[in-house]
Protein backbone atom coordinates (compact mmCIF):
# COMPACT_ATOMS: atom_id res chain seq x y z
CA MET A 1 15.82 234.44 46.05
CA THR A 2 18.33 237.06 45.90
CA SER A 3 20.53 237.50 42.46
CA THR A 4 23.33 235.33 44.40
CA GLY A 5 20.98 232.30 45.10
CA MET A 6 20.81 232.99 49.02
CA ILE A 7 17.55 232.84 50.81
CA SER A 8 16.11 236.39 51.31
CA THR A 9 16.28 237.09 54.92
CA ASP A 10 12.39 237.80 55.27
CA MET A 11 12.16 234.05 54.21
CA ALA A 12 14.26 232.60 56.60
CA PRO A 13 11.65 232.87 59.61
CA LYS A 14 9.19 231.13 57.36
CA ARG A 15 10.99 228.52 57.00
CA LEU A 16 12.22 227.81 60.29
CA TRP A 17 8.85 228.01 61.31
CA LEU A 18 7.61 225.18 59.03
CA ALA A 19 10.54 223.15 60.25
CA LEU A 20 9.35 223.43 63.76
CA VAL A 21 6.11 222.42 62.63
CA LEU A 22 7.33 219.56 61.19
CA LEU A 23 9.39 218.21 64.02
CA SER A 24 6.47 218.95 66.49
CA ALA A 25 4.37 216.79 64.36
CA LEU A 26 6.64 213.81 64.87
CA TRP A 27 7.37 214.20 68.37
CA PRO A 28 3.93 212.65 69.72
CA TRP A 29 5.04 209.74 66.80
CA GLN A 30 8.38 209.65 68.00
CA ALA A 31 6.96 209.56 71.89
CA GLY A 32 4.48 206.90 71.33
CA ALA A 33 6.95 204.52 69.32
CA GLN A 34 9.79 204.75 71.93
CA GLY A 35 6.76 204.43 74.56
CA ALA A 36 5.55 201.01 72.96
CA ALA A 37 8.98 199.97 72.73
CA ASP A 38 9.33 200.36 76.23
CA ALA A 39 6.08 198.72 77.36
CA ASP A 40 7.20 195.58 75.17
CA ALA A 41 10.65 195.74 77.35
CA ALA A 42 8.51 195.99 80.38
CA SER A 43 6.43 192.82 79.65
CA TYR A 44 8.97 190.98 77.78
CA PRO A 45 8.90 188.10 78.34
CA ASN A 46 5.21 186.70 78.82
CA ARG A 47 5.45 183.80 76.34
CA PRO A 48 7.86 181.31 75.11
CA ILE A 49 11.27 182.29 73.63
CA ARG A 50 13.11 179.85 71.28
CA ILE A 51 16.55 179.73 70.55
CA ILE A 52 17.69 178.51 67.18
CA VAL A 53 20.85 176.72 67.24
CA PRO A 54 22.35 176.08 63.58
CA PHE A 55 24.40 172.74 64.97
CA PRO A 56 23.56 169.42 66.03
CA ALA A 57 22.65 168.78 69.51
CA GLY A 58 25.55 168.19 71.92
CA GLY A 59 27.74 170.02 70.33
CA PRO A 60 29.28 173.59 71.73
CA SER A 61 26.76 176.32 70.69
CA ASP A 62 24.12 173.44 71.57
CA VAL A 63 25.49 173.33 75.18
CA LEU A 64 25.86 176.83 75.71
CA ALA A 65 22.54 177.70 74.53
CA ARG A 66 20.59 175.25 76.80
CA ILE A 67 23.08 176.50 80.08
CA ILE A 68 21.73 179.91 79.05
CA GLY A 69 18.01 179.04 78.25
CA GLN A 70 17.70 176.88 81.52
CA LYS A 71 18.24 180.23 83.75
CA LEU A 72 16.14 182.49 81.67
CA SER A 73 13.43 179.84 82.17
CA GLU A 74 14.19 179.67 86.10
CA ASP A 75 14.20 183.40 86.25
CA TRP A 76 11.55 184.56 83.90
CA LYS A 77 9.19 182.08 84.39
CA GLN A 78 8.94 181.18 80.43
CA PRO A 79 9.71 178.17 78.81
CA VAL A 80 13.30 178.53 76.96
CA LEU A 81 12.77 175.94 73.86
CA VAL A 82 16.76 175.05 72.07
CA GLU A 83 15.71 174.36 68.29
CA ASN A 84 18.68 172.61 66.16
CA ARG A 85 18.33 173.63 62.56
CA VAL A 86 21.35 172.11 61.19
CA GLY A 87 23.19 172.53 57.79
CA ALA A 88 24.18 174.77 55.27
CA ASN A 89 27.37 175.86 57.08
CA THR A 90 24.59 177.87 59.34
CA VAL A 91 23.04 179.23 56.41
CA ILE A 92 19.41 177.25 57.38
CA GLY A 93 19.35 178.32 60.64
CA ALA A 94 20.09 181.76 60.09
CA GLN A 95 17.42 182.07 57.59
CA VAL A 96 14.88 180.72 59.89
CA VAL A 97 15.67 183.62 62.30
CA ALA A 98 15.96 186.06 59.68
CA THR A 99 12.70 185.68 58.56
CA ALA A 100 10.98 185.34 62.07
CA PRO A 101 9.51 188.20 63.57
CA GLY A 102 10.93 191.24 64.91
CA ASP A 103 9.88 190.62 68.88
CA GLY A 104 12.60 188.97 70.70
CA TYR A 105 10.84 185.26 70.82
CA THR A 106 12.88 183.83 68.47
CA LEU A 107 16.90 184.19 68.58
CA LEU A 108 20.16 182.77 66.75
CA MET A 109 23.01 181.34 68.58
CA ALA A 110 25.34 182.17 65.42
CA ILE A 111 28.84 181.42 65.22
CA ASP A 112 31.80 183.86 64.11
CA SER A 113 31.43 182.14 60.51
CA THR A 114 27.25 183.03 60.32
CA LEU A 115 27.83 186.78 60.84
CA THR A 116 30.73 187.07 59.31
CA MET A 117 32.36 184.74 57.13
CA ASN A 118 29.22 183.38 55.20
CA GLN A 119 28.68 186.69 52.92
CA PHE A 120 32.16 185.86 51.44
CA LEU A 121 31.86 181.78 51.29
CA TYR A 122 28.15 182.14 48.96
CA LYS A 123 27.81 183.94 46.18
CA SER A 124 23.89 184.21 46.86
CA LEU A 125 23.61 184.21 50.67
CA PRO A 126 19.84 184.15 51.52
CA TYR A 127 20.29 186.87 54.41
CA ASP A 128 22.12 189.47 55.06
CA PRO A 129 24.26 189.43 58.45
CA ILE A 130 24.47 192.98 59.15
CA ARG A 131 20.73 193.78 57.98
CA ASP A 132 18.49 191.17 58.73
CA PHE A 133 19.64 190.83 62.09
CA VAL A 134 20.10 192.66 65.68
CA PRO A 135 23.08 192.04 68.11
CA VAL A 136 22.42 191.06 71.46
CA THR A 137 25.36 189.53 72.76
CA VAL A 138 28.72 187.62 72.20
CA VAL A 139 28.22 184.56 74.60
CA GLY A 140 31.62 183.07 74.19
CA LYS A 141 34.86 182.74 72.88
CA THR A 142 36.88 179.23 72.67
CA VAL A 143 40.22 178.45 72.85
CA VAL A 144 41.73 177.66 69.70
CA LEU A 145 44.39 174.88 70.29
CA LEU A 146 46.62 173.28 67.88
CA MET A 147 46.96 169.94 68.87
CA VAL A 148 49.01 166.58 67.94
CA ASN A 149 48.38 162.83 69.05
CA ALA A 150 50.44 162.16 72.28
CA ALA A 151 51.74 159.02 70.06
CA SER A 152 53.40 161.39 67.18
CA GLU A 153 56.79 162.20 67.53
CA ILE A 154 55.90 166.21 67.31
CA LYS A 155 56.86 167.45 70.17
CA SER A 156 56.47 171.45 69.48
CA VAL A 157 55.53 173.50 67.00
CA GLY A 158 58.95 173.81 65.83
CA ASP A 159 58.98 170.10 65.34
CA LEU A 160 55.93 170.53 63.63
CA ILE A 161 57.23 173.42 61.07
CA ALA A 162 60.72 171.12 60.43
CA LYS A 163 58.32 168.60 59.74
CA GLU A 164 56.54 169.99 57.30
CA LYS A 165 59.67 171.78 55.40
CA ALA A 166 61.07 168.49 55.48
CA GLU A 167 57.93 167.04 53.60
CA PRO A 168 56.11 169.60 51.99
CA GLY A 169 52.51 168.97 50.97
CA LYS A 170 52.70 165.62 52.75
CA LEU A 171 51.10 166.17 56.01
CA ASN A 172 47.27 166.79 56.88
CA TYR A 173 45.74 168.81 59.38
CA GLY A 174 41.87 168.69 60.51
CA ALA A 175 39.86 171.75 61.13
CA GLY A 176 36.07 172.01 61.28
CA THR A 177 34.64 175.62 61.64
CA ILE A 178 35.96 177.69 58.75
CA THR A 179 37.30 179.88 61.01
CA THR A 180 40.03 177.04 62.06
CA GLN A 181 40.09 175.78 58.50
CA LEU A 182 41.02 179.76 57.46
CA THR A 183 43.41 179.64 60.93
CA GLY A 184 45.55 176.56 59.49
CA PHE A 185 45.78 178.17 56.07
CA LEU A 186 47.36 181.17 58.20
CA LEU A 187 49.71 179.26 59.77
CA ASN A 188 51.38 177.37 56.98
CA LYS A 189 51.16 180.82 55.27
CA ALA A 190 53.54 182.53 58.36
CA ALA A 191 55.44 179.43 58.87
CA GLY A 192 56.16 179.07 55.04
CA THR A 193 54.91 175.10 54.86
CA GLN A 194 52.50 173.52 52.99
CA ALA A 195 49.88 171.00 54.69
CA GLN A 196 46.85 169.51 53.27
CA LEU A 197 43.38 170.48 54.80
CA VAL A 198 40.90 167.64 55.74
CA ARG A 199 37.51 169.15 56.41
CA TYR A 200 35.49 167.99 59.15
CA ASN A 201 32.15 168.61 59.96
CA GLY A 202 32.22 169.63 63.80
CA SER A 203 34.66 168.97 66.90
CA ALA A 204 33.62 165.66 67.22
CA GLN A 205 34.80 164.26 63.96
CA VAL A 206 38.16 166.41 64.32
CA THR A 207 38.50 164.44 67.68
CA GLN A 208 38.28 161.04 65.88
CA GLY A 209 40.30 162.10 62.79
CA LEU A 210 43.58 163.02 65.39
CA LEU A 211 42.60 159.97 67.31
CA THR A 212 42.88 157.78 64.70
CA ASN A 213 46.06 159.19 63.20
CA SER A 214 43.85 160.15 59.87
CA VAL A 215 45.36 163.74 59.94
CA GLN A 216 48.60 164.73 61.81
CA TYR A 217 47.20 167.71 63.43
CA VAL A 218 44.22 169.64 64.32
CA LEU A 219 42.92 173.02 65.07
CA ASP A 220 40.47 173.12 67.21
CA GLY A 221 38.28 173.90 70.47
CA PRO A 222 38.75 172.03 73.63
CA SER A 223 34.98 171.06 73.91
CA ALA A 224 35.35 167.31 71.97
CA ALA A 225 39.50 166.87 73.23
CA ALA A 226 38.57 167.92 76.82
CA SER A 227 39.20 164.42 78.11
CA LEU A 228 41.97 163.33 75.74
CA ILE A 229 44.25 166.19 76.67
CA ALA A 230 42.95 165.54 80.33
CA ASP A 231 44.35 161.83 80.26
CA GLY A 232 47.43 162.84 78.23
CA ARG A 233 46.44 161.07 74.77
CA PHE A 234 46.11 165.09 72.95
CA ARG A 235 49.16 167.12 73.11
CA VAL A 236 48.61 170.66 72.78
CA LEU A 237 51.58 172.53 71.12
CA ALA A 238 50.24 176.33 71.08
CA LYS A 239 47.14 177.91 71.69
CA PHE A 240 46.16 180.84 69.28
CA ASP A 241 45.24 183.34 72.02
CA GLY A 242 46.83 184.62 75.33
CA ARG A 243 44.09 183.22 78.06
CA PRO A 244 45.11 180.63 80.53
CA PHE A 245 44.38 176.99 79.80
CA PRO A 246 44.69 174.79 82.97
CA PRO A 247 44.94 171.40 80.81
CA ALA A 248 48.18 172.59 79.04
CA PRO A 249 49.25 175.33 81.43
CA ASP A 250 52.31 175.12 79.62
CA ALA A 251 51.54 175.52 75.46
CA PRO A 252 52.46 178.64 74.28
CA GLN A 253 50.81 181.20 72.56
CA ILE A 254 51.18 180.89 69.18
CA SER A 255 52.80 184.54 68.82
CA GLN A 256 55.23 183.58 71.23
CA ILE A 257 56.69 181.39 69.05
CA ALA A 258 59.91 182.16 66.80
CA GLY A 259 59.06 183.39 62.99
CA LEU A 260 55.37 183.56 64.22
CA SER A 261 55.24 186.94 66.58
CA ASN A 262 52.75 188.60 64.27
CA PHE A 263 50.30 185.93 64.28
CA ASP A 264 46.82 187.50 65.30
CA GLU A 265 44.97 186.38 67.99
CA VAL A 266 42.13 183.88 66.88
CA THR A 267 38.93 182.75 68.61
CA VAL A 268 35.73 180.80 67.59
CA TRP A 269 33.03 182.51 69.34
CA LEU A 270 29.45 182.45 69.50
CA GLY A 271 26.63 185.42 69.66
CA LEU A 272 23.11 185.47 70.11
CA VAL A 273 21.14 187.84 67.68
CA ALA A 274 17.66 188.59 66.93
CA PRO A 275 15.48 189.39 63.82
CA LYS A 276 15.55 193.13 62.67
CA GLY A 277 12.76 194.77 63.99
CA THR A 278 13.58 193.66 67.27
CA PRO A 279 13.09 196.78 69.84
CA GLN A 280 16.23 198.03 71.29
CA PRO A 281 15.08 197.65 74.32
CA ILE A 282 14.03 194.43 74.34
CA ALA A 283 17.61 193.58 72.59
CA ASP A 284 19.08 195.82 76.01
CA LYS A 285 17.05 193.39 78.19
CA LEU A 286 18.35 190.39 76.90
CA SER A 287 21.95 191.66 77.00
CA ARG A 288 21.74 192.43 80.37
CA LYS A 289 19.96 189.38 81.43
CA ILE A 290 22.47 186.87 79.78
CA ALA A 291 25.00 188.94 81.23
CA GLU A 292 23.82 188.68 84.67
CA THR A 293 23.55 184.85 83.54
CA LEU A 294 27.07 184.21 82.26
CA ALA A 295 28.51 185.65 85.30
CA ASP A 296 27.52 183.62 87.81
CA PRO A 297 30.07 181.53 88.93
CA ALA A 298 28.10 178.00 89.17
CA ILE A 299 27.34 178.91 85.31
CA LYS A 300 30.00 179.71 84.16
CA GLN A 301 31.97 177.43 85.79
CA LYS A 302 30.19 174.64 84.27
CA ALA A 303 30.31 176.21 80.77
CA ASP A 304 34.30 176.80 81.27
CA ALA A 305 34.35 173.18 81.95
CA ALA A 306 32.83 172.44 78.40
CA GLY A 307 35.38 174.67 77.14
CA LEU A 308 32.94 177.34 76.19
CA TYR A 309 34.24 180.17 78.32
CA PRO A 310 31.66 182.98 78.55
CA SER A 311 32.10 186.27 77.25
CA THR A 312 29.65 189.15 77.12
CA SER A 313 29.02 192.47 75.46
CA THR A 314 26.65 194.94 75.02
CA PRO A 315 24.47 194.88 71.56
CA ALA A 316 26.29 198.04 70.30
CA GLU A 317 29.82 196.63 71.31
CA PHE A 318 28.77 192.95 69.58
CA ALA A 319 27.86 195.32 66.44
CA ALA A 320 30.82 196.95 66.08
CA PHE A 321 32.80 193.78 66.67
CA ILE A 322 30.80 191.82 63.95
CA ARG A 323 31.88 193.88 61.60
CA LYS A 324 35.65 194.29 62.54
CA GLU A 325 35.58 190.18 62.24
CA ALA A 326 34.08 190.63 58.95
CA GLU A 327 36.57 193.05 57.56
CA ARG A 328 39.70 190.99 58.99
CA TRP A 329 38.45 187.78 57.31
CA ALA A 330 37.07 188.87 54.05
CA PRO A 331 40.52 188.94 52.52
CA VAL A 332 41.50 186.07 54.16
CA VAL A 333 38.40 184.32 52.57
CA LYS A 334 39.58 185.51 48.88
CA GLU A 335 42.95 184.76 49.09
CA THR A 336 42.03 180.98 49.82
CA GLY A 337 39.69 180.95 47.09
CA ILE A 338 37.30 178.82 49.25
CA GLN A 339 33.81 179.16 47.96
CA TYR A 340 30.26 177.11 49.05
CA ASP A 341 28.08 177.51 46.46
């Protein structure tokens, strides 16, 4: 060393030579690891795949998992088994996958709360939504609807807001997922109104609650309510994104309503993730195949009819989306004070 602490010029070549030696030692290992990952992807799948669904059979995520699984099984000539692991706001199913081998043969059909909101709802979540999973692809984004019973005197969002302001805290609204519960909170905050949340376990209960007038309005996707919307027993007051919704073509987007123009788009989304350690070439292969599957016109029509609305992404796009959604909902969860443990 010189008196100034700089590396002397006669030592620089030696350090450069040492660095090159170390790098050359790593190259065969890196090449070997990449070669093994590529070989695994080339032969994938060579045994059954299981998709863990953290909801009961028959729900939106279960239906979409079975649609995807059937097509993958047909094309890859390997069984794709859908396994329902229900409970604790998807935590039980997520934990099963988080502790599974990272080989691409166990996948999780996650809902948005699994990967973005649970970390803020539980003080001690038994999985890390970022570190414990390898994102594969988004698979669906449902349309969130604001609905009332058709027998209700409420004909528009304006009517709803006026009634809530006239009877503060007297109206009840139903929601199943944490996303729709938080959306109801944001809607009342934006409108300057008060209403009581009735929490339901899934869309079937939400639909029943509105059908029996146990609640005055609900926020939910269309999957369970589709037939009731179609036959005119449910009235759609608004939707929370700009996509067309043919069963209620005149329903406005919530941000088009006076006083709510700054309301951000909201969807309840589903996505597939694999356990940490899953080779990236396998995640990429799965992502491409699922995108191809959900682009099939017959499959897309079947999914759309169930209110599931396929949407896909690359693993990198999905990873960025998860982080963005987590940042978006963290302050909302904190403001509501909701905690599950």
